[in-house]
């Protein structure tokens, strides 16, 4: 798939960081990679990073981006990305030669100094603006006509003498070295060297029916995000969620799986109540997809049980008509 005009293409394949071998959560830290995936491959993920100043807020989240296991598997199968053990990779990198670590420290210090200079400049501008406003307020008082007795005038002059001269701000700390801010780089590579790709990268284990439904809908041009807020597996969008509302609430099921009628009714009512369709999909086996009149299905084919051979994905949309 060709990248849209203006999109920055990352070095392919790029790393996806798994927190640890025991925790199946996959993260991306590079905003350029996140933007490219959204524009080019319709991969959304979920931002989970919060601000240190307000850790309780959960509306405007940022990096890192957490990917769904289905999204990760699709990217790995396309040879667009590979999985890296985040903990092990950082341990191995931090044990790198001293010269490489020194480059990393210098890069972090430069970023901290740039932040300190920017913050200092903003403080100086705010101070100058405040002093200018104070001078404006004091200027009418300096034009006193001298009403009242001498003692009162002397008292006023003593009070106003503190502000007779225009207030100015002069920085006396130019000679003092700035203390760099503690900063966390928004990207790991650089300043760290990129992790090597494993010759046989692992592939995430996901439910076969769930991945088949994700792959089917994604191939049709839909954007898919986690559907937990609506009680489903995927919220299905016809375009970028920044421009469109979701059209379907998708849930996967096995082809021979029994589905409780109450689940069907509840899903249909829920979807209709939020102006969406409740979509259920599964993989039709090769044996079921054949014509029932074909007697050759019972003959041995030398390929094993036909029920293990996956066929096409079929989807059904359920809506409640009485609401």
C-alpha atoms as a PDB file:
ATOM      1  CA  UNK A   1       0.000   0.000   0.000  1.00  0.00           C
ATOM      2  CA  UNK A   2       1.458   3.304  -1.019  1.00  0.00           C
ATOM      3  CA  UNK A   3       1.924   5.933   1.644  1.00  0.00           C
ATOM      4  CA  UNK A   4      -0.199   9.087   1.314  1.00  0.00           C
ATOM      5  CA  UNK A   5       1.487  12.236   0.150  1.00  0.00           C
ATOM      6  CA  UNK A   6       3.253  13.997   3.012  1.00  0.00           C
ATOM      7  CA  UNK A   7       3.409  10.916   5.259  1.00  0.00           C
ATOM      8  CA  UNK A   8       6.780  10.113   6.785  1.00  0.00           C
ATOM      9  CA  UNK A   9       7.550   6.427   6.225  1.00  0.00           C
ATOM     10  CA  UNK A  10       9.474   4.826   9.118  1.00  0.00           C
ATOM     11  CA  UNK A  11      12.288   2.343   8.619  1.00  0.00           C
ATOM     12  CA  UNK A  12      10.639  -0.983   7.840  1.00  0.00           C
ATOM     13  CA  UNK A  13      10.172  -3.283   9.537  1.00  0.00           C
ATOM     14  CA  UNK A  14       9.839  -1.249  12.739  1.00  0.00           C
ATOM     15  CA  UNK A  15       9.864  -2.619  16.301  1.00  0.00           C
ATOM     16  CA  UNK A  16       6.741  -3.135  18.402  1.00  0.00           C
ATOM     17  CA  UNK A  17       7.606  -3.383  22.074  1.00  0.00           C
ATOM     18  CA  UNK A  18       6.072  -6.074  24.228  1.00  0.00           C
ATOM     19  CA  UNK A  19       6.245  -5.177  27.928  1.00  0.00           C
ATOM     20  CA  UNK A  20       7.530  -8.634  28.889  1.00  0.00           C
ATOM     21  CA  UNK A  21       7.121 -12.226  27.681  1.00  0.00           C
ATOM     22  CA  UNK A  22       4.441 -12.761  30.339  1.00  0.00           C
ATOM     23  CA  UNK A  23       2.450  -9.598  29.574  1.00  0.00           C
ATOM     24  CA  UNK A  24       0.793  -9.527  26.153  1.00  0.00           C
ATOM     25  CA  UNK A  25       0.606  -5.747  25.787  1.00  0.00           C
ATOM     26  CA  UNK A  26       2.216  -4.118  22.761  1.00  0.00           C
ATOM     27  CA  UNK A  27       3.376  -0.489  22.697  1.00  0.00           C
ATOM     28  CA  UNK A  28       4.629   2.082  20.190  1.00  0.00           C
ATOM     29  CA  UNK A  29       6.583   5.161  21.302  1.00  0.00           C
ATOM     30  CA  UNK A  30       7.352   6.911  18.009  1.00  0.00           C
ATOM     31  CA  UNK A  31       4.716   9.438  16.944  1.00  0.00           C
ATOM     32  CA  UNK A  32       5.876   9.287  13.311  1.00  0.00           C
ATOM     33  CA  UNK A  33       5.241   5.541  13.229  1.00  0.00           C
ATOM     34  CA  UNK A  34       1.846   5.987  14.901  1.00  0.00           C
ATOM     35  CA  UNK A  35       0.815   8.647  12.367  1.00  0.00           C
ATOM     36  CA  UNK A  36       2.032   6.583   9.412  1.00  0.00           C
ATOM     37  CA  UNK A  37       0.117   3.497  10.577  1.00  0.00           C
ATOM     38  CA  UNK A  38      -3.091   5.479  10.957  1.00  0.00           C
ATOM     39  CA  UNK A  39      -2.830   7.096   7.529  1.00  0.00           C
ATOM     40  CA  UNK A  40      -1.537   4.161   5.562  1.00  0.00           C
ATOM     41  CA  UNK A  41      -2.772   0.962   7.245  1.00  0.00           C
ATOM     42  CA  UNK A  42      -5.870   2.148   9.180  1.00  0.00           C
ATOM     43  CA  UNK A  43      -4.310   0.985  12.458  1.00  0.00           C
ATOM     44  CA  UNK A  44      -5.681   2.957  15.407  1.00  0.00           C
ATOM     45  CA  UNK A  45      -4.583   1.488  18.720  1.00  0.00           C
ATOM     46  CA  UNK A  46      -5.265   3.325  21.999  1.00  0.00           C
ATOM     47  CA  UNK A  47      -3.209   6.091  23.588  1.00  0.00           C
ATOM     48  CA  UNK A  48      -2.469   5.258  27.236  1.00  0.00           C
ATOM     49  CA  UNK A  49       0.135   7.865  28.274  1.00  0.00           C
ATOM     50  CA  UNK A  50      -0.897  10.419  30.909  1.00  0.00           C
ATOM     51  CA  UNK A  51       0.739  13.646  32.103  1.00  0.00           C
ATOM     52  CA  UNK A  52       2.860  13.557  35.277  1.00  0.00           C
ATOM     53  CA  UNK A  53       1.261  16.834  36.409  1.00  0.00           C
ATOM     54  CA  UNK A  54      -2.259  15.376  36.225  1.00  0.00           C
ATOM     55  CA  UNK A  55      -2.077  11.582  36.351  1.00  0.00           C
ATOM     56  CA  UNK A  56      -5.795  11.179  37.104  1.00  0.00           C
ATOM     57  CA  UNK A  57      -7.023  12.707  33.859  1.00  0.00           C
ATOM     58  CA  UNK A  58      -8.055  10.179  31.210  1.00  0.00           C
ATOM     59  CA  UNK A  59      -9.471  12.353  28.422  1.00  0.00           C
ATOM     60  CA  UNK A  60      -6.415  13.683  26.586  1.00  0.00           C
ATOM     61  CA  UNK A  61      -3.962  10.802  26.624  1.00  0.00           C
ATOM     62  CA  UNK A  62      -0.718  10.578  24.657  1.00  0.00           C
ATOM     63  CA  UNK A  63       2.145   8.252  23.897  1.00  0.00           C
ATOM     64  CA  UNK A  64       2.740   5.384  24.165  1.00  0.00           C
ATOM     65  CA  UNK A  65       0.163   3.820  21.873  1.00  0.00           C
ATOM     66  CA  UNK A  66      -1.102   0.371  22.805  1.00  0.00           C
ATOM     67  CA  UNK A  67      -1.983  -1.896  19.885  1.00  0.00           C
ATOM     68  CA  UNK A  68      -4.558  -4.651  19.856  1.00  0.00           C
ATOM     69  CA  UNK A  69      -3.125  -8.196  19.512  1.00  0.00           C
ATOM     70  CA  UNK A  70      -4.988  -8.560  16.203  1.00  0.00           C
ATOM     71  CA  UNK A  71      -3.348  -5.398  14.871  1.00  0.00           C
ATOM     72  CA  UNK A  72       0.098  -6.610  15.942  1.00  0.00           C
ATOM     73  CA  UNK A  73      -0.360 -10.002  14.318  1.00  0.00           C
ATOM     74  CA  UNK A  74      -1.527  -8.401  11.066  1.00  0.00           C
ATOM     75  CA  UNK A  75       1.539  -6.119  10.975  1.00  0.00           C
ATOM     76  CA  UNK A  76       3.938  -8.974  11.732  1.00  0.00           C
ATOM     77  CA  UNK A  77       2.398 -11.194   9.049  1.00  0.00           C
ATOM     78  CA  UNK A  78       2.790  -8.358   6.539  1.00  0.00           C
ATOM     79  CA  UNK A  79       6.475  -8.073   7.533  1.00  0.00           C
ATOM     80  CA  UNK A  80       5.841  -4.434   8.406  1.00  0.00           C
ATOM     81  CA  UNK A  81       6.861  -4.819  12.055  1.00  0.00           C
ATOM     82  CA  UNK A  82       8.514  -7.235  14.454  1.00  0.00           C
ATOM     83  CA  UNK A  83       8.083  -7.789  18.194  1.00  0.00           C
ATOM     84  CA  UNK A  84      10.783  -6.818  20.683  1.00  0.00           C
ATOM     85  CA  UNK A  85      10.963  -7.691  24.374  1.00  0.00           C
ATOM     86  CA  UNK A  86      10.949  -4.151  25.794  1.00  0.00           C
ATOM     87  CA  UNK A  87      12.523  -4.986  29.161  1.00  0.00           C
ATOM     88  CA  UNK A  88      15.259  -7.206  27.761  1.00  0.00           C
ATOM     89  CA  UNK A  89      16.048  -4.787  24.948  1.00  0.00           C
ATOM     90  CA  UNK A  90      16.587  -1.852  27.304  1.00  0.00           C
ATOM     91  CA  UNK A  91      18.706  -3.942  29.655  1.00  0.00           C
ATOM     92  CA  UNK A  92      20.888  -5.040  26.774  1.00  0.00           C
ATOM     93  CA  UNK A  93      21.155  -1.499  25.422  1.00  0.00           C
ATOM     94  CA  UNK A  94      22.096   0.020  28.775  1.00  0.00           C
ATOM     95  CA  UNK A  95      24.941  -2.492  29.002  1.00  0.00           C
ATOM     96  CA  UNK A  96      26.345  -1.146  25.763  1.00  0.00           C
ATOM     97  CA  UNK A  97      29.879   0.390  25.508  1.00  0.00           C
ATOM     98  CA  UNK A  98      30.536   3.589  27.555  1.00  0.00           C
ATOM     99  CA  UNK A  99      30.913   5.735  24.433  1.00  0.00           C
ATOM    100  CA  UNK A 100      27.403   4.810  23.295  1.00  0.00           C
ATOM    101  CA  UNK A 101      25.961   5.559  26.730  1.00  0.00           C
ATOM    102  CA  UNK A 102      27.735   8.927  26.756  1.00  0.00           C
ATOM    103  CA  UNK A 103      26.067   9.850  23.451  1.00  0.00           C
ATOM    104  CA  UNK A 104      22.718   8.954  24.989  1.00  0.00           C
ATOM    105  CA  UNK A 105      23.374  11.097  28.089  1.00  0.00           C
ATOM    106  CA  UNK A 106      24.482  14.072  25.980  1.00  0.00           C
ATOM    107  CA  UNK A 107      21.315  13.835  23.881  1.00  0.00           C
ATOM    108  CA  UNK A 108      19.088  13.759  26.976  1.00  0.00           C
ATOM    109  CA  UNK A 109      20.999  16.693  28.539  1.00  0.00           C
ATOM    110  CA  UNK A 110      20.619  18.794  25.377  1.00  0.00           C
ATOM    111  CA  UNK A 111      16.872  18.209  25.372  1.00  0.00           C
ATOM    112  CA  UNK A 112      16.684  19.155  29.073  1.00  0.00           C
ATOM    113  CA  UNK A 113      18.678  22.355  28.492  1.00  0.00           C
ATOM    114  CA  UNK A 114      16.448  23.364  25.595  1.00  0.00           C
ATOM    115  CA  UNK A 115      13.386  22.871  27.786  1.00  0.00           C
ATOM    116  CA  UNK A 116      14.958  24.896  30.644  1.00  0.00           C
ATOM    117  CA  UNK A 117      15.775  27.791  28.273  1.00  0.00           C
ATOM    118  CA  UNK A 118      12.234  27.796  26.884  1.00  0.00           C
ATOM    119  CA  UNK A 119      10.686  27.817  30.359  1.00  0.00           C
ATOM    120  CA  UNK A 120      13.060  30.577  31.522  1.00  0.00           C
ATOM    121  CA  UNK A 121      12.206  32.700  28.504  1.00  0.00           C
ATOM    122  CA  UNK A 122       8.490  32.331  29.155  1.00  0.00           C
ATOM    123  CA  UNK A 123       8.936  33.333  32.813  1.00  0.00           C
ATOM    124  CA  UNK A 124      10.929  36.417  31.806  1.00  0.00           C
ATOM    125  CA  UNK A 125       8.261  37.449  29.305  1.00  0.00           C
ATOM    126  CA  UNK A 126       5.511  37.058  31.898  1.00  0.00           C
ATOM    127  CA  UNK A 127       7.516  39.127  34.402  1.00  0.00           C
ATOM    128  CA  UNK A 128       8.100  41.924  31.877  1.00  0.00           C
ATOM    129  CA  UNK A 129       4.416  42.004  30.970  1.00  0.00           C
ATOM    130  CA  UNK A 130       3.412  42.186  34.640  1.00  0.00           C
ATOM    131  CA  UNK A 131       5.837  45.075  35.304  1.00  0.00           C
ATOM    132  CA  UNK A 132       4.582  46.961  32.274  1.00  0.00           C
ATOM    133  CA  UNK A 133       1.004  46.657  33.503  1.00  0.00           C
ATOM    134  CA  UNK A 134       2.124  47.874  36.941  1.00  0.00           C
ATOM    135  CA  UNK A 135       3.877  50.911  35.435  1.00  0.00           C
ATOM    136  CA  UNK A 136       0.741  51.794  33.501  1.00  0.00           C
ATOM    137  CA  UNK A 137      -1.364  51.674  36.648  1.00  0.00           C
ATOM    138  CA  UNK A 138       1.159  53.832  38.585  1.00  0.00           C
ATOM    139  CA  UNK A 139       1.561  56.578  35.945  1.00  0.00           C
ATOM    140  CA  UNK A 140      -1.634  58.569  36.876  1.00  0.00           C
ATOM    141  CA  UNK A 141      -0.558  58.702  40.505  1.00  0.00           C
ATOM    142  CA  UNK A 142       2.755  60.267  39.561  1.00  0.00           C
ATOM    143  CA  UNK A 143       0.863  63.299  38.178  1.00  0.00           C
ATOM    144  CA  UNK A 144      -0.468  64.391  41.600  1.00  0.00           C
ATOM    145  CA  UNK A 145      -1.570  68.098  41.740  1.00  0.00           C
ATOM    146  CA  UNK A 146      -0.531  68.486  45.384  1.00  0.00           C
ATOM    147  CA  UNK A 147      -3.939  68.885  47.093  1.00  0.00           C
ATOM    148  CA  UNK A 148      -3.973  68.728  50.914  1.00  0.00           C
ATOM    149  CA  UNK A 149      -1.543  69.963  53.544  1.00  0.00           C
ATOM    150  CA  UNK A 150       2.187  69.584  53.423  1.00  0.00           C
ATOM    151  CA  UNK A 151       2.330  66.674  55.763  1.00  0.00           C
ATOM    152  CA  UNK A 152      -0.185  64.761  53.775  1.00  0.00           C
ATOM    153  CA  UNK A 153       1.708  65.615  50.597  1.00  0.00           C
ATOM    154  CA  UNK A 154       4.956  64.507  52.124  1.00  0.00           C
ATOM    155  CA  UNK A 155       3.363  61.230  53.108  1.00  0.00           C
ATOM    156  CA  UNK A 156       2.018  60.716  49.604  1.00  0.00           C
ATOM    157  CA  UNK A 157       5.392  61.554  48.108  1.00  0.00           C
ATOM    158  CA  UNK A 158       7.073  59.048  50.412  1.00  0.00           C
ATOM    159  CA  UNK A 159       4.575  56.402  49.413  1.00  0.00           C
ATOM    160  CA  UNK A 160       4.892  57.166  45.725  1.00  0.00           C
ATOM    161  CA  UNK A 161       8.659  57.470  45.738  1.00  0.00           C
ATOM    162  CA  UNK A 162       8.853  53.694  45.741  1.00  0.00           C
ATOM    163  CA  UNK A 163       7.280  53.643  42.292  1.00  0.00           C
ATOM    164  CA  UNK A 164       8.499  56.928  40.764  1.00  0.00           C
ATOM    165  CA  UNK A 165      11.060  55.229  38.577  1.00  0.00           C
ATOM    166  CA  UNK A 166       9.683  52.867  35.925  1.00  0.00           C
ATOM    167  CA  UNK A 167      10.077  49.271  37.013  1.00  0.00           C
ATOM    168  CA  UNK A 168      12.339  47.176  34.876  1.00  0.00           C
ATOM    169  CA  UNK A 169      13.552  43.620  35.074  1.00  0.00           C
ATOM    170  CA  UNK A 170      17.153  42.751  34.581  1.00  0.00           C
ATOM    171  CA  UNK A 171      18.435  39.240  34.628  1.00  0.00           C
ATOM    172  CA  UNK A 172      21.334  38.812  37.020  1.00  0.00           C
ATOM    173  CA  UNK A 173      21.674  35.078  36.437  1.00  0.00           C
ATOM    174  CA  UNK A 174      23.145  35.138  32.977  1.00  0.00           C
ATOM    175  CA  UNK A 175      26.423  33.940  34.312  1.00  0.00           C
ATOM    176  CA  UNK A 176      24.817  31.058  36.192  1.00  0.00           C
ATOM    177  CA  UNK A 177      24.592  27.808  34.266  1.00  0.00           C
ATOM    178  CA  UNK A 178      21.095  26.610  33.543  1.00  0.00           C
ATOM    179  CA  UNK A 179      20.063  23.443  35.303  1.00  0.00           C
ATOM    180  CA  UNK A 180      18.704  21.069  32.642  1.00  0.00           C
ATOM    181  CA  UNK A 181      15.221  19.717  33.166  1.00  0.00           C
ATOM    182  CA  UNK A 182      14.778  16.014  33.707  1.00  0.00           C
ATOM    183  CA  UNK A 183      13.258  14.825  30.450  1.00  0.00           C
ATOM    184  CA  UNK A 184      12.182  11.523  29.022  1.00  0.00           C
ATOM    185  CA  UNK A 185      12.880  11.272  25.267  1.00  0.00           C
ATOM    186  CA  UNK A 186       9.722  10.810  23.215  1.00  0.00           C
ATOM    187  CA  UNK A 187      11.557   8.372  20.966  1.00  0.00           C
ATOM    188  CA  UNK A 188      13.993   5.663  21.978  1.00  0.00           C
ATOM    189  CA  UNK A 189      15.598   5.269  18.562  1.00  0.00           C
ATOM    190  CA  UNK A 190      17.361   7.681  18.402  1.00  0.00           C
ATOM    191  CA  UNK A 191      19.132   8.228  20.774  1.00  0.00           C
ATOM    192  CA  UNK A 192      19.455   4.480  21.372  1.00  0.00           C
ATOM    193  CA  UNK A 193      20.466   2.235  18.477  1.00  0.00           C
ATOM    194  CA  UNK A 194      17.535   0.318  16.986  1.00  0.00           C
ATOM    195  CA  UNK A 195      17.075  -3.221  18.319  1.00  0.00           C
ATOM    196  CA  UNK A 196      18.044  -6.048  15.975  1.00  0.00           C
ATOM    197  CA  UNK A 197      15.315  -8.030  14.307  1.00  0.00           C
ATOM    198  CA  UNK A 198      14.996 -11.629  15.415  1.00  0.00           C
ATOM    199  CA  UNK A 199      15.477 -14.090  12.540  1.00  0.00           C
ATOM    200  CA  UNK A 200      12.148 -15.749  13.402  1.00  0.00           C
ATOM    201  CA  UNK A 201      10.052 -13.059  15.101  1.00  0.00           C
ATOM    202  CA  UNK A 202       7.262 -14.333  17.358  1.00  0.00           C
ATOM    203  CA  UNK A 203       3.670 -13.918  16.265  1.00  0.00           C
ATOM    204  CA  UNK A 204       1.039 -12.980  18.862  1.00  0.00           C
ATOM    205  CA  UNK A 205      -1.417 -15.695  19.739  1.00  0.00           C
ATOM    206  CA  UNK A 206      -4.960 -14.461  19.206  1.00  0.00           C
ATOM    207  CA  UNK A 207      -8.337 -16.128  18.943  1.00  0.00           C
ATOM    208  CA  UNK A 208      -8.727 -17.466  15.415  1.00  0.00           C
ATOM    209  CA  UNK A 209     -12.306 -16.281  14.947  1.00  0.00           C
ATOM    210  CA  UNK A 210     -11.518 -12.831  16.368  1.00  0.00           C
ATOM    211  CA  UNK A 211      -8.497 -12.389  14.103  1.00  0.00           C
ATOM    212  CA  UNK A 212     -10.397 -13.654  11.065  1.00  0.00           C
ATOM    213  CA  UNK A 213     -13.159 -11.115  11.662  1.00  0.00           C
ATOM    214  CA  UNK A 214     -10.626  -8.307  12.195  1.00  0.00           C
ATOM    215  CA  UNK A 215      -8.788  -9.230   9.015  1.00  0.00           C
ATOM    216  CA  UNK A 216     -12.010  -9.446   7.016  1.00  0.00           C
ATOM    217  CA  UNK A 217     -13.349  -6.058   8.114  1.00  0.00           C
ATOM    218  CA  UNK A 218      -9.947  -4.403   7.795  1.00  0.00           C
ATOM    219  CA  UNK A 219      -9.629  -5.656   4.217  1.00  0.00           C
ATOM    220  CA  UNK A 220     -12.946  -3.953   3.444  1.00  0.00           C
ATOM    221  CA  UNK A 221     -11.468  -0.573   4.384  1.00  0.00           C
ATOM    222  CA  UNK A 222     -12.914  -0.242   7.893  1.00  0.00           C
ATOM    223  CA  UNK A 223     -11.129   1.202  10.917  1.00  0.00           C
ATOM    224  CA  UNK A 224     -11.400  -0.981  14.030  1.00  0.00           C
ATOM    225  CA  UNK A 225     -10.944   0.127  17.623  1.00  0.00           C
ATOM    226  CA  UNK A 226     -11.563  -1.785  20.889  1.00  0.00           C
ATOM    227  CA  UNK A 227     -15.279  -2.046  21.551  1.00  0.00           C
ATOM    228  CA  UNK A 228     -15.243  -2.455  25.323  1.00  0.00           C
ATOM    229  CA  UNK A 229     -17.351   0.656  25.940  1.00  0.00           C
ATOM    230  CA  UNK A 230     -20.170  -0.902  23.877  1.00  0.00           C
ATOM    231  CA  UNK A 231     -19.791  -4.456  25.163  1.00  0.00           C
ATOM    232  CA  UNK A 232     -18.331  -5.859  21.941  1.00  0.00           C
ATOM    233  CA  UNK A 233     -14.925  -6.775  20.537  1.00  0.00           C
ATOM    234  CA  UNK A 234     -14.532  -4.073  17.877  1.00  0.00           C
ATOM    235  CA  UNK A 235     -16.115  -0.737  17.080  1.00  0.00           C
ATOM    236  CA  UNK A 236     -16.194  -0.570  13.283  1.00  0.00           C
ATOM    237  CA  UNK A 237     -15.801   2.816  11.559  1.00  0.00           C
ATOM    238  CA  UNK A 238     -16.271   3.520   7.836  1.00  0.00           C
ATOM    239  CA  UNK A 239     -13.407   6.047   7.987  1.00  0.00           C
ATOM    240  CA  UNK A 240     -11.095   7.719  10.452  1.00  0.00           C
ATOM    241  CA  UNK A 241     -12.835   7.986  13.871  1.00  0.00           C
ATOM    242  CA  UNK A 242     -11.886  11.671  13.958  1.00  0.00           C
ATOM    243  CA  UNK A 243     -14.380  12.199  11.124  1.00  0.00           C
ATOM    244  CA  UNK A 244     -16.941   9.385  11.444  1.00  0.00           C
ATOM    245  CA  UNK A 245     -19.048   7.652  14.065  1.00  0.00           C
ATOM    246  CA  UNK A 246     -18.878   3.872  14.202  1.00  0.00           C
ATOM    247  CA  UNK A 247     -21.470   1.983  12.158  1.00  0.00           C
ATOM    248  CA  UNK A 248     -21.193  -1.510  13.678  1.00  0.00           C
ATOM    249  CA  UNK A 249     -20.499  -3.230  16.994  1.00  0.00           C
ATOM    250  CA  UNK A 250     -18.642  -6.367  15.950  1.00  0.00           C
ATOM    251  CA  UNK A 251     -18.364  -9.646  17.869  1.00  0.00           C
ATOM    252  CA  UNK A 252     -16.790 -12.871  16.613  1.00  0.00           C
ATOM    253  CA  UNK A 253     -18.015 -16.403  17.148  1.00  0.00           C
ATOM    254  CA  UNK A 254     -17.165 -19.894  16.011  1.00  0.00           C
ATOM    255  CA  UNK A 255     -19.148 -21.188  13.066  1.00  0.00           C
ATOM    256  CA  UNK A 256     -20.627 -24.054  15.095  1.00  0.00           C
ATOM    257  CA  UNK A 257     -20.759 -22.099  18.341  1.00  0.00           C
ATOM    258  CA  UNK A 258     -24.139 -21.916  20.012  1.00  0.00           C
ATOM    259  CA  UNK A 259     -25.255 -18.364  20.723  1.00  0.00           C
ATOM    260  CA  UNK A 260     -27.797 -17.643  23.421  1.00  0.00           C
ATOM    261  CA  UNK A 261     -30.916 -15.999  22.031  1.00  0.00           C
ATOM    262  CA  UNK A 262     -30.792 -13.428  24.843  1.00  0.00           C
ATOM    263  CA  UNK A 263     -27.327 -12.375  23.657  1.00  0.00           C
ATOM    264  CA  UNK A 264     -28.666 -11.820  20.152  1.00  0.00           C
ATOM    265  CA  UNK A 265     -31.638  -9.812  21.419  1.00  0.00           C
ATOM    266  CA  UNK A 266     -29.484  -7.821  23.837  1.00  0.00           C
ATOM    267  CA  UNK A 267     -26.849  -7.112  21.199  1.00  0.00           C
ATOM    268  CA  UNK A 268     -29.458  -6.006  18.684  1.00  0.00           C
ATOM    269  CA  UNK A 269     -31.181  -3.728  21.185  1.00  0.00           C
ATOM    270  CA  UNK A 270     -27.875  -2.263  22.348  1.00  0.00           C
ATOM    271  CA  UNK A 271     -26.725  -1.551  18.796  1.00  0.00           C
ATOM    272  CA  UNK A 272     -30.031   0.041  17.827  1.00  0.00           C
ATOM    273  CA  UNK A 273     -30.075   2.086  21.027  1.00  0.00           C
ATOM    274  CA  UNK A 274     -26.735   3.710  20.140  1.00  0.00           C
ATOM    275  CA  UNK A 275     -27.639   4.051  16.430  1.00  0.00           C
ATOM    276  CA  UNK A 276     -25.373   1.239  15.246  1.00  0.00           C
ATOM    277  CA  UNK A 277     -25.787  -2.256  13.926  1.00  0.00           C
ATOM    278  CA  UNK A 278     -24.770  -5.289  15.999  1.00  0.00           C
ATOM    279  CA  UNK A 279     -22.539  -7.359  13.719  1.00  0.00           C
ATOM    280  CA  UNK A 280     -21.588 -10.951  14.383  1.00  0.00           C
ATOM    281  CA  UNK A 281     -19.123 -12.837  12.192  1.00  0.00           C
ATOM    282  CA  UNK A 282     -17.270 -16.104  11.950  1.00  0.00           C
ATOM    283  CA  UNK A 283     -15.258 -18.327   9.660  1.00  0.00           C
ATOM    284  CA  UNK A 284     -17.272 -20.760   7.599  1.00  0.00           C
ATOM    285  CA  UNK A 285     -15.477 -24.086   7.339  1.00  0.00           C
ATOM    286  CA  UNK A 286     -14.746 -25.574   3.965  1.00  0.00           C
ATOM    287  CA  UNK A 287     -17.041 -28.486   4.665  1.00  0.00           C
ATOM    288  CA  UNK A 288     -19.980 -26.254   5.533  1.00  0.00           C
ATOM    289  CA  UNK A 289     -19.418 -23.987   2.569  1.00  0.00           C
ATOM    290  CA  UNK A 290     -19.716 -26.786   0.062  1.00  0.00           C
ATOM    291  CA  UNK A 291     -22.934 -27.691  -1.599  1.00  0.00           C
ATOM    292  CA  UNK A 292     -24.795 -30.165   0.572  1.00  0.00           C
ATOM    293  CA  UNK A 293     -25.724 -32.101  -2.546  1.00  0.00           C
ATOM    294  CA  UNK A 294     -22.048 -32.833  -3.282  1.00  0.00           C
ATOM    295  CA  UNK A 295     -21.478 -36.422  -2.137  1.00  0.00           C
ATOM    296  CA  UNK A 296     -17.742 -36.097  -2.657  1.00  0.00           C
ATOM    297  CA  UNK A 297     -17.436 -34.358   0.719  1.00  0.00           C
ATOM    298  CA  UNK A 298     -17.534 -37.728   2.434  1.00  0.00           C
ATOM    299  CA  UNK A 299     -14.665 -39.101   0.347  1.00  0.00           C
ATOM    300  CA  UNK A 300     -11.076 -38.904   1.692  1.00  0.00           C
ATOM    301  CA  UNK A 301      -9.054 -36.103   0.138  1.00  0.00           C
ATOM    302  CA  UNK A 302      -5.681 -36.767   1.735  1.00  0.00           C
ATOM    303  CA  UNK A 303      -5.724 -33.309   3.414  1.00  0.00           C
ATOM    304  CA  UNK A 304      -7.103 -34.339   6.816  1.00  0.00           C
ATOM    305  CA  UNK A 305     -10.439 -33.431   8.334  1.00  0.00           C
ATOM    306  CA  UNK A 306     -12.295 -30.913   6.168  1.00  0.00           C
ATOM    307  CA  UNK A 307     -13.686 -29.180   9.239  1.00  0.00           C
ATOM    308  CA  UNK A 308     -10.210 -27.835  10.053  1.00  0.00           C
ATOM    309  CA  UNK A 309      -9.860 -26.177   6.681  1.00  0.00           C
ATOM    310  CA  UNK A 310     -10.997 -22.571   7.107  1.00  0.00           C
ATOM    311  CA  UNK A 311     -13.147 -20.950   4.492  1.00  0.00           C
ATOM    312  CA  UNK A 312     -14.481 -17.471   3.991  1.00  0.00           C
ATOM    313  CA  UNK A 313     -15.635 -15.106   6.712  1.00  0.00           C
ATOM    314  CA  UNK A 314     -19.347 -14.417   6.838  1.00  0.00           C
ATOM    315  CA  UNK A 315     -20.935 -11.577   8.775  1.00  0.00           C
ATOM    316  CA  UNK A 316     -24.519 -10.925   9.850  1.00  0.00           C
ATOM    317  CA  UNK A 317     -25.924  -7.596  11.032  1.00  0.00           C
ATOM    318  CA  UNK A 318     -28.769  -7.586  13.555  1.00  0.00           C
ATOM    319  CA  UNK A 319     -30.932  -4.533  14.256  1.00  0.00           C
ATOM    320  CA  UNK A 320     -33.937  -4.123  16.486  1.00  0.00           C
ATOM    321  CA  UNK A 321     -36.886  -2.940  14.431  1.00  0.00           C
ATOM    322  CA  UNK A 322     -39.284  -2.016  17.210  1.00  0.00           C
ATOM    323  CA  UNK A 323     -37.338   0.857  18.778  1.00  0.00           C
END
